[in-house]
């Protein structure tokens, strides 16, 4: 028998939780995942994507989900961390300029036929 440990409106969040549970040795699967993906506007009516585990592992899984929801596994920024090097180059700047300049219509003025 299986029980629902958590439900998420976004399938990506449900996959993250399922992956974390499986990393801890808890067998988990997702219910209503494909229904939520195909009918995005029904996701709240269906109750979201449900993360389900075996009844024997429910207490351990519930404790882990509470830790996840509380931010226990969040990656905190180091104070000594340096910013990554800027990956923007002159060629990328030229490419962006060409994209925006050439894809936008350029305004110009026309003479009116009435003026002659």
PDB file of N, CA and C in Angstrom:
ATOM      1  N   UNK A   1       0.842  -1.177   0.000  1.00  0.00           N
ATOM      2  CA  UNK A   1       0.000   0.000   0.000  1.00  0.00           C
ATOM      3  C   UNK A   1       0.888   1.242   0.000  1.00  0.00           C
ATOM      4  N   UNK A   2       0.448   2.258  -0.685  1.00  0.00           N
ATOM      5  CA  UNK A   2       1.213   3.502  -0.791  1.00  0.00           C
ATOM      6  C   UNK A   2       0.437   4.657  -0.178  1.00  0.00           C
ATOM      7  N   UNK A   3       1.193   5.629   0.330  1.00  0.00           N
ATOM      8  CA  UNK A   3       0.597   6.831   0.906  1.00  0.00           C
ATOM      9  C   UNK A   3       1.250   8.057   0.291  1.00  0.00           C
ATOM     10  N   UNK A   4       0.480   9.136   0.216  1.00  0.00           N
ATOM     11  CA  UNK A   4       0.979  10.384  -0.332  1.00  0.00           C
ATOM     12  C   UNK A   4       1.732  11.146   0.741  1.00  0.00           C
ATOM     13  N   UNK A   5       2.986  11.447   0.466  1.00  0.00           N
ATOM     14  CA  UNK A   5       3.824  12.188   1.405  1.00  0.00           C
ATOM     15  C   UNK A   5       3.666  13.685   1.193  1.00  0.00           C
ATOM     16  N   UNK A   6       3.613  14.112  -0.071  1.00  0.00           N
ATOM     17  CA  UNK A   6       3.500  15.535  -0.397  1.00  0.00           C
ATOM     18  C   UNK A   6       2.889  15.672  -1.780  1.00  0.00           C
ATOM     19  N   UNK A   7       2.372  16.864  -2.062  1.00  0.00           N
ATOM     20  CA  UNK A   7       1.825  17.169  -3.382  1.00  0.00           C
ATOM     21  C   UNK A   7       2.307  18.549  -3.787  1.00  0.00           C
ATOM     22  N   UNK A   8       2.676  18.690  -5.056  1.00  0.00           N
ATOM     23  CA  UNK A   8       3.225  19.944  -5.562  1.00  0.00           C
ATOM     24  C   UNK A   8       2.522  20.316  -6.868  1.00  0.00           C
ATOM     25  N   UNK A   9       2.231  21.601  -7.075  1.00  0.00           N
ATOM     26  CA  UNK A   9       1.598  22.007  -8.332  1.00  0.00           C
ATOM     27  C   UNK A   9       2.550  21.938  -9.525  1.00  0.00           C
ATOM     28  N   UNK A  10       3.837  21.973  -9.255  1.00  0.00           N
ATOM     29  CA  UNK A  10       4.837  21.937 -10.322  1.00  0.00           C
ATOM     30  C   UNK A  10       5.489  20.553 -10.363  1.00  0.00           C
ATOM     31  N   UNK A  11       5.447  19.852 -11.507  1.00  0.00           N
ATOM     32  CA  UNK A  11       6.064  18.530 -11.585  1.00  0.00           C
ATOM     33  C   UNK A  11       7.562  18.539 -11.303  1.00  0.00           C
ATOM     34  N   UNK A  12       8.234  19.633 -11.598  1.00  0.00           N
ATOM     35  CA  UNK A  12       9.668  19.708 -11.350  1.00  0.00           C
ATOM     36  C   UNK A  12       9.974  19.613  -9.850  1.00  0.00           C
ATOM     37  N   UNK A  13       9.193  20.291  -9.031  1.00  0.00           N
ATOM     38  CA  UNK A  13       9.393  20.201  -7.580  1.00  0.00           C
ATOM     39  C   UNK A  13       9.148  18.783  -7.082  1.00  0.00           C
ATOM     40  N   UNK A  14       8.135  18.140  -7.630  1.00  0.00           N
ATOM     41  CA  UNK A  14       7.849  16.757  -7.228  1.00  0.00           C
ATOM     42  C   UNK A  14       8.994  15.833  -7.607  1.00  0.00           C
ATOM     43  N   UNK A  15       9.610  16.043  -8.767  1.00  0.00           N
ATOM     44  CA  UNK A  15      10.753  15.221  -9.178  1.00  0.00           C
ATOM     45  C   UNK A  15      11.952  15.453  -8.267  1.00  0.00           C
ATOM     46  N   UNK A  16      12.156  16.686  -7.833  1.00  0.00           N
ATOM     47  CA  UNK A  16      13.265  16.975  -6.919  1.00  0.00           C
ATOM     48  C   UNK A  16      13.069  16.237  -5.600  1.00  0.00           C
ATOM     49  N   UNK A  17      11.851  16.277  -5.066  1.00  0.00           N
ATOM     50  CA  UNK A  17      11.568  15.593  -3.798  1.00  0.00           C
ATOM     51  C   UNK A  17      11.701  14.082  -3.977  1.00  0.00           C
ATOM     52  N   UNK A  18      11.179  13.552  -5.081  1.00  0.00           N
ATOM     53  CA  UNK A  18      11.304  12.108  -5.329  1.00  0.00           C
ATOM     54  C   UNK A  18      12.769  11.699  -5.421  1.00  0.00           C
ATOM     55  N   UNK A  19      13.566  12.500  -6.101  1.00  0.00           N
ATOM     56  CA  UNK A  19      14.995  12.202  -6.215  1.00  0.00           C
ATOM     57  C   UNK A  19      15.695  12.218  -4.871  1.00  0.00           C
ATOM     58  N   UNK A  20      15.329  13.174  -4.030  1.00  0.00           N
ATOM     59  CA  UNK A  20      15.943  13.243  -2.697  1.00  0.00           C
ATOM     60  C   UNK A  20      15.527  12.051  -1.840  1.00  0.00           C
ATOM     61  N   UNK A  21      14.265  11.649  -1.940  1.00  0.00           N
ATOM     62  CA  UNK A  21      13.814  10.472  -1.192  1.00  0.00           C
ATOM     63  C   UNK A  21      14.538   9.211  -1.662  1.00  0.00           C
ATOM     64  N   UNK A  22      14.701   9.069  -2.959  1.00  0.00           N
ATOM     65  CA  UNK A  22      15.397   7.891  -3.461  1.00  0.00           C
ATOM     66  C   UNK A  22      16.873   7.914  -3.104  1.00  0.00           C
ATOM     67  N   UNK A  23      17.453   9.104  -2.978  1.00  0.00           N
ATOM     68  CA  UNK A  23      18.846   9.200  -2.544  1.00  0.00           C
ATOM     69  C   UNK A  23      19.006   8.721  -1.105  1.00  0.00           C
ATOM     70  N   UNK A  24      17.950   8.834  -0.327  1.00  0.00           N
ATOM     71  CA  UNK A  24      17.979   8.359   1.067  1.00  0.00           C
ATOM     72  C   UNK A  24      17.557   6.893   1.192  1.00  0.00           C
ATOM     73  N   UNK A  25      17.294   6.236   0.064  1.00  0.00           N
ATOM     74  CA  UNK A  25      16.928   4.824   0.093  1.00  0.00           C
ATOM     75  C   UNK A  25      15.440   4.570   0.230  1.00  0.00           C
ATOM     76  N   UNK A  26      14.620   5.584   0.040  1.00  0.00           N
ATOM     77  CA  UNK A  26      13.170   5.442   0.136  1.00  0.00           C
ATOM     78  C   UNK A  26      12.612   5.332  -1.284  1.00  0.00           C
ATOM     79  N   UNK A  27      11.898   4.265  -1.562  1.00  0.00           N
ATOM     80  CA  UNK A  27      11.305   4.084  -2.881  1.00  0.00           C
ATOM     81  C   UNK A  27      10.094   5.003  -3.009  1.00  0.00           C
ATOM     82  N   UNK A  28      10.101   5.873  -4.019  1.00  0.00           N
ATOM     83  CA  UNK A  28       9.017   6.829  -4.208  1.00  0.00           C
ATOM     84  C   UNK A  28       8.612   6.855  -5.675  1.00  0.00           C
ATOM     85  N   UNK A  29       7.369   7.224  -5.933  1.00  0.00           N
ATOM     86  CA  UNK A  29       6.891   7.407  -7.301  1.00  0.00           C
ATOM     87  C   UNK A  29       5.911   8.562  -7.322  1.00  0.00           C
ATOM     88  N   UNK A  30       5.638   9.064  -8.517  1.00  0.00           N
ATOM     89  CA  UNK A  30       4.779  10.234  -8.685  1.00  0.00           C
ATOM     90  C   UNK A  30       3.437   9.821  -9.262  1.00  0.00           C
ATOM     91  N   UNK A  31       2.380  10.380  -8.695  1.00  0.00           N
ATOM     92  CA  UNK A  31       1.026  10.135  -9.199  1.00  0.00           C
ATOM     93  C   UNK A  31       0.498  11.416  -9.838  1.00  0.00           C
ATOM     94  N   UNK A  32      -0.267  11.274 -10.892  1.00  0.00           N
ATOM     95  CA  UNK A  32      -0.906  12.384 -11.627  1.00  0.00           C
ATOM     96  C   UNK A  32       0.094  13.312 -12.296  1.00  0.00           C
ATOM     97  N   UNK A  33       1.309  12.853 -12.503  1.00  0.00           N
ATOM     98  CA  UNK A  33       2.322  13.701 -13.139  1.00  0.00           C
ATOM     99  C   UNK A  33       1.930  14.040 -14.574  1.00  0.00           C
ATOM    100  N   UNK A  34       1.565  13.044 -15.345  1.00  0.00           N
ATOM    101  CA  UNK A  34       1.263  13.262 -16.754  1.00  0.00           C
ATOM    102  C   UNK A  34      -0.045  14.031 -16.931  1.00  0.00           C
ATOM    103  N   UNK A  35      -0.995  13.821 -16.045  1.00  0.00           N
ATOM    104  CA  UNK A  35      -2.247  14.579 -16.122  1.00  0.00           C
ATOM    105  C   UNK A  35      -2.008  16.058 -15.886  1.00  0.00           C
ATOM    106  N   UNK A  36      -1.141  16.380 -14.939  1.00  0.00           N
ATOM    107  CA  UNK A  36      -0.828  17.776 -14.655  1.00  0.00           C
ATOM    108  C   UNK A  36      -0.058  18.409 -15.805  1.00  0.00           C
ATOM    109  N   UNK A  37       0.829  17.650 -16.440  1.00  0.00           N
ATOM    110  CA  UNK A  37       1.591  18.192 -17.561  1.00  0.00           C
ATOM    111  C   UNK A  37       0.679  18.441 -18.767  1.00  0.00           C
ATOM    112  N   UNK A  38      -0.202  17.502 -19.057  1.00  0.00           N
ATOM    113  CA  UNK A  38      -1.070  17.637 -20.226  1.00  0.00           C
ATOM    114  C   UNK A  38      -2.178  18.669 -20.013  1.00  0.00           C
ATOM    115  N   UNK A  39      -2.706  18.769 -18.806  1.00  0.00           N
ATOM    116  CA  UNK A  39      -3.791  19.695 -18.502  1.00  0.00           C
ATOM    117  C   UNK A  39      -3.338  20.628 -17.388  1.00  0.00           C
ATOM    118  N   UNK A  40      -2.505  21.576 -17.753  1.00  0.00           N
ATOM    119  CA  UNK A  40      -1.876  22.444 -16.767  1.00  0.00           C
ATOM    120  C   UNK A  40      -2.912  23.219 -15.959  1.00  0.00           C
ATOM    121  N   UNK A  41      -4.022  23.569 -16.573  1.00  0.00           N
ATOM    122  CA  UNK A  41      -5.032  24.334 -15.854  1.00  0.00           C
ATOM    123  C   UNK A  41      -5.827  23.475 -14.872  1.00  0.00           C
ATOM    124  N   UNK A  42      -5.685  22.168 -14.918  1.00  0.00           N
ATOM    125  CA  UNK A  42      -6.355  21.273 -13.978  1.00  0.00           C
ATOM    126  C   UNK A  42      -5.486  20.925 -12.778  1.00  0.00           C
ATOM    127  N   UNK A  43      -4.270  21.427 -12.713  1.00  0.00           N
ATOM    128  CA  UNK A  43      -3.308  20.961 -11.701  1.00  0.00           C
ATOM    129  C   UNK A  43      -3.804  21.148 -10.280  1.00  0.00           C
ATOM    130  N   UNK A  44      -4.480  22.240  -9.989  1.00  0.00           N
ATOM    131  CA  UNK A  44      -4.979  22.454  -8.631  1.00  0.00           C
ATOM    132  C   UNK A  44      -6.212  21.598  -8.349  1.00  0.00           C
ATOM    133  N   UNK A  45      -7.042  21.378  -9.356  1.00  0.00           N
ATOM    134  CA  UNK A  45      -8.215  20.527  -9.173  1.00  0.00           C
ATOM    135  C   UNK A  45      -7.812  19.073  -8.908  1.00  0.00           C
ATOM    136  N   UNK A  46      -6.729  18.637  -9.534  1.00  0.00           N
ATOM    137  CA  UNK A  46      -6.239  17.268  -9.318  1.00  0.00           C
ATOM    138  C   UNK A  46      -5.466  17.122  -8.016  1.00  0.00           C
ATOM    139  N   UNK A  47      -5.101  18.237  -7.415  1.00  0.00           N
ATOM    140  CA  UNK A  47      -4.306  18.179  -6.192  1.00  0.00           C
ATOM    141  C   UNK A  47      -2.818  18.193  -6.463  1.00  0.00           C
ATOM    142  N   UNK A  48      -2.429  18.520  -7.673  1.00  0.00           N
ATOM    143  CA  UNK A  48      -1.010  18.588  -8.017  1.00  0.00           C
ATOM    144  C   UNK A  48      -0.413  17.215  -8.253  1.00  0.00           C
ATOM    145  N   UNK A  49       0.894  17.195  -8.383  1.00  0.00           N
ATOM    146  CA  UNK A  49       1.624  15.945  -8.550  1.00  0.00           C
ATOM    147  C   UNK A  49       1.911  15.397  -7.157  1.00  0.00           C
ATOM    148  N   UNK A  50       1.485  14.182  -6.917  1.00  0.00           N
ATOM    149  CA  UNK A  50       1.616  13.589  -5.592  1.00  0.00           C
ATOM    150  C   UNK A  50       2.855  12.699  -5.516  1.00  0.00           C
ATOM    151  N   UNK A  51       3.640  12.877  -4.466  1.00  0.00           N
ATOM    152  CA  UNK A  51       4.797  12.018  -4.199  1.00  0.00           C
ATOM    153  C   UNK A  51       4.314  10.927  -3.261  1.00  0.00           C
ATOM    154  N   UNK A  52       4.412   9.678  -3.711  1.00  0.00           N
ATOM    155  CA  UNK A  52       3.890   8.551  -2.936  1.00  0.00           C
ATOM    156  C   UNK A  52       5.012   7.612  -2.535  1.00  0.00           C
ATOM    157  N   UNK A  53       4.897   7.073  -1.330  1.00  0.00           N
ATOM    158  CA  UNK A  53       5.872   6.110  -0.805  1.00  0.00           C
ATOM    159  C   UNK A  53       5.121   4.944  -0.170  1.00  0.00           C
ATOM    160  N   UNK A  54       5.855   3.873   0.087  1.00  0.00           N
ATOM    161  CA  UNK A  54       5.275   2.715   0.765  1.00  0.00           C
ATOM    162  C   UNK A  54       4.897   3.095   2.190  1.00  0.00           C
ATOM    163  N   UNK A  55       3.844   2.471   2.691  1.00  0.00           N
ATOM    164  CA  UNK A  55       3.353   2.781   4.036  1.00  0.00           C
ATOM    165  C   UNK A  55       4.429   2.562   5.089  1.00  0.00           C
ATOM    166  N   UNK A  56       5.283   1.562   4.911  1.00  0.00           N
ATOM    167  CA  UNK A  56       6.328   1.267   5.892  1.00  0.00           C
ATOM    168  C   UNK A  56       7.366   2.381   5.969  1.00  0.00           C
ATOM    169  N   UNK A  57       7.554   3.104   4.905  1.00  0.00           N
ATOM    170  CA  UNK A  57       8.568   4.159   4.867  1.00  0.00           C
ATOM    171  C   UNK A  57       7.971   5.557   5.014  1.00  0.00           C
ATOM    172  N   UNK A  58       6.675   5.653   5.315  1.00  0.00           N
ATOM    173  CA  UNK A  58       5.994   6.941   5.332  1.00  0.00           C
ATOM    174  C   UNK A  58       6.563   7.892   6.387  1.00  0.00           C
ATOM    175  N   UNK A  59       6.802   7.416   7.599  1.00  0.00           N
ATOM    176  CA  UNK A  59       7.281   8.298   8.676  1.00  0.00           C
ATOM    177  C   UNK A  59       8.654   8.879   8.342  1.00  0.00           C
ATOM    178  N   UNK A  60       9.537   8.046   7.838  1.00  0.00           N
ATOM    179  CA  UNK A  60      10.869   8.509   7.466  1.00  0.00           C
ATOM    180  C   UNK A  60      10.789   9.492   6.299  1.00  0.00           C
ATOM    181  N   UNK A  61       9.933   9.195   5.319  1.00  0.00           N
ATOM    182  CA  UNK A  61       9.787  10.084   4.163  1.00  0.00           C
ATOM    183  C   UNK A  61       9.168  11.411   4.568  1.00  0.00           C
ATOM    184  N   UNK A  62       8.191  11.377   5.454  1.00  0.00           N
ATOM    185  CA  UNK A  62       7.536  12.617   5.892  1.00  0.00           C
ATOM    186  C   UNK A  62       8.521  13.519   6.624  1.00  0.00           C
ATOM    187  N   UNK A  63       9.367  12.928   7.450  1.00  0.00           N
ATOM    188  CA  UNK A  63      10.380  13.729   8.163  1.00  0.00           C
ATOM    189  C   UNK A  63      11.348  14.378   7.169  1.00  0.00           C
ATOM    190  N   UNK A  64      11.740  13.641   6.145  1.00  0.00           N
ATOM    191  CA  UNK A  64      12.656  14.182   5.145  1.00  0.00           C
ATOM    192  C   UNK A  64      11.996  15.293   4.323  1.00  0.00           C
ATOM    193  N   UNK A  65      10.717  15.122   3.970  1.00  0.00           N
ATOM    194  CA  UNK A  65      10.004  16.164   3.222  1.00  0.00           C
ATOM    195  C   UNK A  65       9.860  17.421   4.068  1.00  0.00           C
ATOM    196  N   UNK A  66       9.614  17.273   5.348  1.00  0.00           N
ATOM    197  CA  UNK A  66       9.546  18.452   6.231  1.00  0.00           C
ATOM    198  C   UNK A  66      10.881  19.186   6.264  1.00  0.00           C
ATOM    199  N   UNK A  67      11.977  18.441   6.301  1.00  0.00           N
ATOM    200  CA  UNK A  67      13.301  19.071   6.259  1.00  0.00           C
ATOM    201  C   UNK A  67      13.515  19.796   4.935  1.00  0.00           C
ATOM    202  N   UNK A  68      13.110  19.172   3.829  1.00  0.00           N
ATOM    203  CA  UNK A  68      13.238  19.807   2.523  1.00  0.00           C
ATOM    204  C   UNK A  68      12.430  21.094   2.443  1.00  0.00           C
ATOM    205  N   UNK A  69      11.190  21.037   2.894  1.00  0.00           N
ATOM    206  CA  UNK A  69      10.331  22.217   2.856  1.00  0.00           C
ATOM    207  C   UNK A  69      10.835  23.311   3.791  1.00  0.00           C
ATOM    208  N   UNK A  70      11.530  22.932   4.831  1.00  0.00           N
ATOM    209  CA  UNK A  70      12.094  23.910   5.767  1.00  0.00           C
ATOM    210  C   UNK A  70      13.402  24.525   5.292  1.00  0.00           C
ATOM    211  N   UNK A  71      13.953  24.004   4.213  1.00  0.00           N
ATOM    212  CA  UNK A  71      15.191  24.562   3.667  1.00  0.00           C
ATOM    213  C   UNK A  71      16.448  23.963   4.242  1.00  0.00           C
ATOM    214  N   UNK A  72      16.365  22.757   4.778  1.00  0.00           N
ATOM    215  CA  UNK A  72      17.535  22.133   5.404  1.00  0.00           C
ATOM    216  C   UNK A  72      18.639  21.825   4.404  1.00  0.00           C
ATOM    217  N   UNK A  73      18.290  21.600   3.151  1.00  0.00           N
ATOM    218  CA  UNK A  73      19.284  21.232   2.155  1.00  0.00           C
ATOM    219  C   UNK A  73      19.610  22.381   1.207  1.00  0.00           C
ATOM    220  N   UNK A  74      19.225  23.592   1.563  1.00  0.00           N
ATOM    221  CA  UNK A  74      19.483  24.749   0.699  1.00  0.00           C
ATOM    222  C   UNK A  74      20.971  25.054   0.659  1.00  0.00           C
ATOM    223  N   UNK A  75      21.427  25.497  -0.491  1.00  0.00           N
ATOM    224  CA  UNK A  75      22.828  25.876  -0.643  1.00  0.00           C
ATOM    225  C   UNK A  75      22.946  27.349  -0.302  1.00  0.00           C
ATOM    226  N   UNK A  76      23.707  27.638   0.701  1.00  0.00           N
ATOM    227  CA  UNK A  76      23.874  29.020   1.137  1.00  0.00           C
ATOM    228  C   UNK A  76      25.079  29.635   0.453  1.00  0.00           C
ATOM    229  N   UNK A  77      24.973  30.909   0.163  1.00  0.00           N
ATOM    230  CA  UNK A  77      26.077  31.612  -0.486  1.00  0.00           C
ATOM    231  C   UNK A  77      27.189  31.872   0.529  1.00  0.00           C
ATOM    232  N   UNK A  78      28.418  31.638   0.121  1.00  0.00           N
ATOM    233  CA  UNK A  78      29.561  31.933   0.977  1.00  0.00           C
ATOM    234  C   UNK A  78      29.866  33.416   0.908  1.00  0.00           C
ATOM    235  N   UNK A  79      30.323  33.970   2.024  1.00  0.00           N
ATOM    236  CA  UNK A  79      30.701  35.377   2.027  1.00  0.00           C
ATOM    237  C   UNK A  79      31.979  35.601   1.220  1.00  0.00           C
ATOM    238  N   UNK A  80      32.827  34.602   1.171  1.00  0.00           N
ATOM    239  CA  UNK A  80      34.093  34.725   0.468  1.00  0.00           C
ATOM    240  C   UNK A  80      33.986  34.339  -1.013  1.00  0.00           C
ATOM    241  N   UNK A  81      32.809  33.975  -1.448  1.00  0.00           N
ATOM    242  CA  UNK A  81      32.656  33.534  -2.832  1.00  0.00           C
ATOM    243  C   UNK A  81      32.856  34.709  -3.786  1.00  0.00           C
ATOM    244  N   UNK A  82      33.603  34.468  -4.819  1.00  0.00           N
ATOM    245  CA  UNK A  82      33.830  35.508  -5.815  1.00  0.00           C
ATOM    246  C   UNK A  82      32.833  35.343  -6.953  1.00  0.00           C
ATOM    247  N   UNK A  83      32.554  36.413  -7.626  1.00  0.00           N
ATOM    248  CA  UNK A  83      31.639  36.354  -8.755  1.00  0.00           C
ATOM    249  C   UNK A  83      32.307  35.629  -9.915  1.00  0.00           C
ATOM    250  N   UNK A  84      31.541  34.874 -10.681  1.00  0.00           N
ATOM    251  CA  UNK A  84      32.138  34.198 -11.821  1.00  0.00           C
ATOM    252  C   UNK A  84      32.559  35.208 -12.877  1.00  0.00           C
ATOM    253  N   UNK A  85      33.522  34.823 -13.674  1.00  0.00           N
ATOM    254  CA  UNK A  85      34.010  35.709 -14.727  1.00  0.00           C
ATOM    255  C   UNK A  85      32.896  35.995 -15.722  1.00  0.00           C
ATOM    256  N   UNK A  86      32.900  37.186 -16.253  1.00  0.00           N
ATOM    257  CA  UNK A  86      31.896  37.586 -17.224  1.00  0.00           C
ATOM    258  C   UNK A  86      32.123  36.799 -18.510  1.00  0.00           C
ATOM    259  N   UNK A  87      31.084  36.137 -18.988  1.00  0.00           N
ATOM    260  CA  UNK A  87      31.226  35.324 -20.189  1.00  0.00           C
ATOM    261  C   UNK A  87      30.830  36.089 -21.435  1.00  0.00           C
ATOM    262  N   UNK A  88      30.495  37.350 -21.283  1.00  0.00           N
ATOM    263  CA  UNK A  88      30.102  38.132 -22.444  1.00  0.00           C
ATOM    264  C   UNK A  88      31.345  38.595 -23.200  1.00  0.00           C
ATOM    265  N   UNK A  89      31.321  38.418 -24.511  1.00  0.00           N
ATOM    266  CA  UNK A  89      32.447  38.814 -25.347  1.00  0.00           C
ATOM    267  C   UNK A  89      31.966  39.840 -26.358  1.00  0.00           C
ATOM    268  N   UNK A  90      32.923  40.402 -27.111  1.00  0.00           N
ATOM    269  CA  UNK A  90      32.547  41.367 -28.144  1.00  0.00           C
ATOM    270  C   UNK A  90      31.704  40.714 -29.218  1.00  0.00           C
ATOM    271  N   UNK A  91      32.009  39.475 -29.545  1.00  0.00           N
ATOM    272  CA  UNK A  91      31.216  38.809 -30.580  1.00  0.00           C
ATOM    273  C   UNK A  91      29.778  38.584 -30.115  1.00  0.00           C
ATOM    274  N   UNK A  92      29.586  38.285 -28.831  1.00  0.00           N
ATOM    275  CA  UNK A  92      28.216  38.120 -28.341  1.00  0.00           C
ATOM    276  C   UNK A  92      27.483  39.457 -28.325  1.00  0.00           C
ATOM    277  N   UNK A  93      28.183  40.530 -28.001  1.00  0.00           N
ATOM    278  CA  UNK A  93      27.549  41.847 -28.032  1.00  0.00           C
ATOM    279  C   UNK A  93      27.142  42.215 -29.444  1.00  0.00           C
ATOM    280  N   UNK A  94      28.006  41.933 -30.418  1.00  0.00           N
ATOM    281  CA  UNK A  94      27.679  42.226 -31.817  1.00  0.00           C
ATOM    282  C   UNK A  94      26.489  41.370 -32.272  1.00  0.00           C
ATOM    283  N   UNK A  95      26.462  40.127 -31.834  1.00  0.00           N
ATOM    284  CA  UNK A  95      25.353  39.247 -32.203  1.00  0.00           C
ATOM    285  C   UNK A  95      24.038  39.756 -31.620  1.00  0.00           C
ATOM    286  N   UNK A  96      24.038  40.188 -30.365  1.00  0.00           N
ATOM    287  CA  UNK A  96      22.825  40.746 -29.765  1.00  0.00           C
ATOM    288  C   UNK A  96      22.389  42.014 -30.487  1.00  0.00           C
ATOM    289  N   UNK A  97      23.342  42.875 -30.815  1.00  0.00           N
ATOM    290  CA  UNK A  97      23.012  44.103 -31.527  1.00  0.00           C
ATOM    291  C   UNK A  97      22.386  43.783 -32.880  1.00  0.00           C
ATOM    292  N   UNK A  98      22.979  42.846 -33.609  1.00  0.00           N
ATOM    293  CA  UNK A  98      22.444  42.481 -34.919  1.00  0.00           C
ATOM    294  C   UNK A  98      21.047  41.881 -34.783  1.00  0.00           C
ATOM    295  N   UNK A  99      20.845  41.091 -33.745  1.00  0.00           N
ATOM    296  CA  UNK A  99      19.544  40.479 -33.540  1.00  0.00           C
ATOM    297  C   UNK A  99      18.486  41.544 -33.308  1.00  0.00           C
ATOM    298  N   UNK A 100      18.765  42.461 -32.395  1.00  0.00           N
ATOM    299  CA  UNK A 100      17.763  43.472 -32.073  1.00  0.00           C
ATOM    300  C   UNK A 100      17.644  44.535 -33.162  1.00  0.00           C
ATOM    301  N   UNK A 101      18.745  44.939 -33.753  1.00  0.00           N
ATOM    302  CA  UNK A 101      18.696  45.995 -34.760  1.00  0.00           C
ATOM    303  C   UNK A 101      18.059  45.509 -36.054  1.00  0.00           C
ATOM    304  N   UNK A 102      18.323  44.290 -36.443  1.00  0.00           N
ATOM    305  CA  UNK A 102      17.809  43.809 -37.719  1.00  0.00           C
ATOM    306  C   UNK A 102      16.414  43.203 -37.625  1.00  0.00           C
ATOM    307  N   UNK A 103      15.996  42.843 -36.457  1.00  0.00           N
ATOM    308  CA  UNK A 103      14.677  42.227 -36.355  1.00  0.00           C
ATOM    309  C   UNK A 103      13.584  43.243 -36.052  1.00  0.00           C
ATOM    310  N   UNK A 104      13.964  44.458 -35.674  1.00  0.00           N
ATOM    311  CA  UNK A 104      12.968  45.484 -35.400  1.00  0.00           C
ATOM    312  C   UNK A 104      12.756  46.346 -36.630  1.00  0.00           C
ATOM    313  N   UNK A 105      11.518  46.717 -36.921  1.00  0.00           N
ATOM    314  CA  UNK A 105      11.298  47.601 -38.067  1.00  0.00           C
ATOM    315  C   UNK A 105      11.837  48.998 -37.773  1.00  0.00           C
ATOM    316  N   UNK A 106      12.438  49.586 -38.777  1.00  0.00           N
ATOM    317  CA  UNK A 106      12.993  50.923 -38.626  1.00  0.00           C
ATOM    318  C   UNK A 106      11.962  51.954 -39.070  1.00  0.00           C
ATOM    319  N   UNK A 107      11.741  52.983 -38.272  1.00  0.00           N
ATOM    320  CA  UNK A 107      10.747  53.994 -38.667  1.00  0.00           C
ATOM    321  C   UNK A 107      11.313  54.916 -39.750  1.00  0.00           C
ATOM    322  N   UNK A 108      10.486  55.344 -40.655  1.00  0.00           N
ATOM    323  CA  UNK A 108      10.863  56.332 -41.652  1.00  0.00           C
ATOM    324  C   UNK A 108       9.628  57.170 -41.966  1.00  0.00           C
ATOM    325  N   UNK A 109       9.843  58.314 -42.526  1.00  0.00           N
ATOM    326  CA  UNK A 109       8.711  59.199 -42.840  1.00  0.00           C
ATOM    327  C   UNK A 109       8.375  59.088 -44.316  1.00  0.00           C
ATOM    328  N   UNK A 110       7.101  59.192 -44.615  1.00  0.00           N
ATOM    329  CA  UNK A 110       6.634  59.157 -46.000  1.00  0.00           C
ATOM    330  C   UNK A 110       6.028  60.504 -46.362  1.00  0.00           C
ATOM    331  N   UNK A 111       6.134  60.836 -47.606  1.00  0.00           N
ATOM    332  CA  UNK A 111       5.429  62.023 -48.062  1.00  0.00           C
ATOM    333  C   UNK A 111       3.989  61.710 -48.323  1.00  0.00           C
ATOM    334  N   UNK A 112       3.190  62.647 -47.993  1.00  0.00           N
ATOM    335  CA  UNK A 112       1.763  62.481 -48.258  1.00  0.00           C
ATOM    336  C   UNK A 112       1.503  62.710 -49.734  1.00  0.00           C
ATOM    337  N   UNK A 113       0.603  61.955 -50.322  1.00  0.00           N
ATOM    338  CA  UNK A 113       0.248  62.121 -51.729  1.00  0.00           C
ATOM    339  C   UNK A 113      -0.495  63.444 -51.965  1.00  0.00           C
ATOM    340  N   UNK A 114      -1.122  63.963 -50.927  1.00  0.00           N
ATOM    341  CA  UNK A 114      -1.890  65.200 -51.072  1.00  0.00           C
ATOM    342  C   UNK A 114      -0.965  66.394 -51.255  1.00  0.00           C
ATOM    343  N   UNK A 115       0.252  66.350 -50.723  1.00  0.00           N
ATOM    344  CA  UNK A 115       1.175  67.477 -50.838  1.00  0.00           C
ATOM    345  C   UNK A 115       1.681  67.649 -52.267  1.00  0.00           C
ATOM    346  N   UNK A 116       1.790  66.610 -52.934  1.00  0.00           N
ATOM    347  CA  UNK A 116       2.174  66.713 -54.319  1.00  0.00           C
ATOM    348  C   UNK A 116       3.587  66.651 -54.518  1.00  0.00           C
TER     349      UNK A 116
END
